[in-house]
Amino acid sequence: MIKGYIIAQTELCKGCELCIDACPQESLRLSPNLNKKGYRYVELYKDNCTGCTNCGIICPDSVITVYRENKKKKKQAEA
């Protein structure tokens, strides 16, 4: 399985929840904490992110950066 994770710029997030609705793995939620502007911000709370980038693409303020772990290459059998 491909693993991914996000980093959100919490102080810029307005808590619109578009990214939460766009996540097929339901990995995101709004934090119970508030940023300096008084908004609840998005956070990754499940370890099932695949790095699909849906959340980063739909974010109107571009506050989400998505990362994917490199796939481990299988060693080819020697002929």
C-alpha atoms as a PDB file:
ATOM      1  CA  MET A   1       0.000   0.000   0.000  1.00  0.00           C
ATOM      2  CA  ILE A   2       1.227   3.483  -0.820  1.00  0.00           C
ATOM      3  CA  LYS A   3       1.638   5.692   2.245  1.00  0.00           C
ATOM      4  CA  GLY A   4       1.346   9.432   2.329  1.00  0.00           C
ATOM      5  CA  TYR A   5       0.932  12.325   4.702  1.00  0.00           C
ATOM      6  CA  ILE A   6       0.074  16.015   4.634  1.00  0.00           C
ATOM      7  CA  ILE A   7       1.444  19.155   6.160  1.00  0.00           C
ATOM      8  CA  ALA A   8      -1.067  21.964   6.548  1.00  0.00           C
ATOM      9  CA  GLN A   9      -0.174  25.575   7.203  1.00  0.00           C
ATOM     10  CA  THR A  10      -2.412  25.756  10.247  1.00  0.00           C
ATOM     11  CA  GLU A  11      -2.311  29.526  10.633  1.00  0.00           C
ATOM     12  CA  LEU A  12      -3.634  29.999   7.082  1.00  0.00           C
ATOM     13  CA  CYS A  13      -6.352  27.321   7.177  1.00  0.00           C
ATOM     14  CA  LYS A  14      -9.910  28.684   7.413  1.00  0.00           C
ATOM     15  CA  GLY A  15     -11.548  25.356   8.226  1.00  0.00           C
ATOM     16  CA  CYS A  16     -13.766  25.236   5.125  1.00  0.00           C
ATOM     17  CA  GLU A  17     -13.787  21.391   5.237  1.00  0.00           C
ATOM     18  CA  LEU A  18     -13.521  20.966   1.454  1.00  0.00           C
ATOM     19  CA  CYS A  19     -10.427  18.821   1.913  1.00  0.00           C
ATOM     20  CA  ILE A  20     -12.206  16.626   4.451  1.00  0.00           C
ATOM     21  CA  ASP A  21     -15.020  15.944   1.981  1.00  0.00           C
ATOM     22  CA  ALA A  22     -12.501  15.264  -0.818  1.00  0.00           C
ATOM     23  CA  CYS A  23     -10.493  12.669   1.135  1.00  0.00           C
ATOM     24  CA  PRO A  24     -11.456   9.147  -0.027  1.00  0.00           C
ATOM     25  CA  GLN A  25      -9.700   7.561   2.974  1.00  0.00           C
ATOM     26  CA  GLU A  26     -11.425   9.858   5.500  1.00  0.00           C
ATOM     27  CA  SER A  27      -8.009  10.651   6.986  1.00  0.00           C
ATOM     28  CA  LEU A  28      -8.631  14.323   7.766  1.00  0.00           C
ATOM     29  CA  ARG A  29     -10.581  16.194  10.384  1.00  0.00           C
ATOM     30  CA  LEU A  30     -10.805  19.645  11.883  1.00  0.00           C
ATOM     31  CA  SER A  31      -8.635  20.074  14.934  1.00  0.00           C
ATOM     32  CA  PRO A  32     -10.377  20.845  18.210  1.00  0.00           C
ATOM     33  CA  ASN A  33      -7.803  23.649  18.571  1.00  0.00           C
ATOM     34  CA  LEU A  34      -8.029  27.094  16.995  1.00  0.00           C
ATOM     35  CA  ASN A  35      -5.428  28.991  15.013  1.00  0.00           C
ATOM     36  CA  LYS A  36      -4.604  32.663  15.698  1.00  0.00           C
ATOM     37  CA  LYS A  37      -7.514  33.808  13.520  1.00  0.00           C
ATOM     38  CA  GLY A  38      -9.971  31.680  15.489  1.00  0.00           C
ATOM     39  CA  TYR A  39     -10.509  28.940  12.919  1.00  0.00           C
ATOM     40  CA  ARG A  40     -10.332  25.215  13.501  1.00  0.00           C
ATOM     41  CA  TYR A  41      -7.725  23.889  11.083  1.00  0.00           C
ATOM     42  CA  VAL A  42      -7.358  20.633   9.197  1.00  0.00           C
ATOM     43  CA  GLU A  43      -5.190  17.848  10.546  1.00  0.00           C
ATOM     44  CA  LEU A  44      -4.311  14.296   9.576  1.00  0.00           C
ATOM     45  CA  TYR A  45      -5.666  11.989  12.263  1.00  0.00           C
ATOM     46  CA  LYS A  46      -5.621   8.541  10.651  1.00  0.00           C
ATOM     47  CA  ASP A  47      -2.590   6.642   9.412  1.00  0.00           C
ATOM     48  CA  ASN A  48      -4.238   5.561   6.162  1.00  0.00           C
ATOM     49  CA  CYS A  49      -3.342   8.481   3.873  1.00  0.00           C
ATOM     50  CA  THR A  50      -2.272   7.343   0.399  1.00  0.00           C
ATOM     51  CA  GLY A  51      -1.044  10.731  -0.797  1.00  0.00           C
ATOM     52  CA  CYS A  52      -3.745  10.971  -3.463  1.00  0.00           C
ATOM     53  CA  THR A  53      -3.504  14.826  -3.436  1.00  0.00           C
ATOM     54  CA  ASN A  54      -7.279  15.391  -3.535  1.00  0.00           C
ATOM     55  CA  CYS A  55      -7.103  17.576  -0.429  1.00  0.00           C
ATOM     56  CA  GLY A  56      -4.263  19.708  -1.759  1.00  0.00           C
ATOM     57  CA  ILE A  57      -5.935  20.194  -5.121  1.00  0.00           C
ATOM     58  CA  ILE A  58      -9.292  21.266  -3.710  1.00  0.00           C
ATOM     59  CA  CYS A  59      -7.939  23.590  -1.004  1.00  0.00           C
ATOM     60  CA  PRO A  60      -8.898  27.145  -2.083  1.00  0.00           C
ATOM     61  CA  ASP A  61      -6.029  28.699  -0.121  1.00  0.00           C
ATOM     62  CA  SER A  62      -3.350  26.114  -1.018  1.00  0.00           C
ATOM     63  CA  VAL A  63      -2.442  25.468   2.610  1.00  0.00           C
ATOM     64  CA  ILE A  64      -2.019  21.688   2.231  1.00  0.00           C
ATOM     65  CA  THR A  65       1.125  20.030   0.930  1.00  0.00           C
ATOM     66  CA  VAL A  66       0.879  16.311   0.225  1.00  0.00           C
ATOM     67  CA  TYR A  67       3.814  13.936   0.454  1.00  0.00           C
ATOM     68  CA  ARG A  68       4.116  10.330  -0.682  1.00  0.00           C
ATOM     69  CA  GLU A  69       6.645   7.816   0.540  1.00  0.00           C
ATOM     70  CA  ASN A  70       8.737   6.264  -2.196  1.00  0.00           C
ATOM     71  CA  LYS A  71       7.810   2.758  -3.176  1.00  0.00           C
ATOM     72  CA  LYS A  72      10.394   0.193  -2.230  1.00  0.00           C
ATOM     73  CA  LYS A  73      11.762  -1.429  -5.359  1.00  0.00           C
ATOM     74  CA  LYS A  74      11.780  -5.169  -5.428  1.00  0.00           C
ATOM     75  CA  LYS A  75      15.125  -6.671  -6.271  1.00  0.00           C
ATOM     76  CA  GLN A  76      15.024  -8.365  -9.617  1.00  0.00           C
ATOM     77  CA  ALA A  77      15.939 -12.025  -9.534  1.00  0.00           C
ATOM     78  CA  GLU A  78      19.332 -12.722 -11.012  1.00  0.00           C
ATOM     79  CA  ALA A  79      19.160 -14.578 -14.285  1.00  0.00           C
END
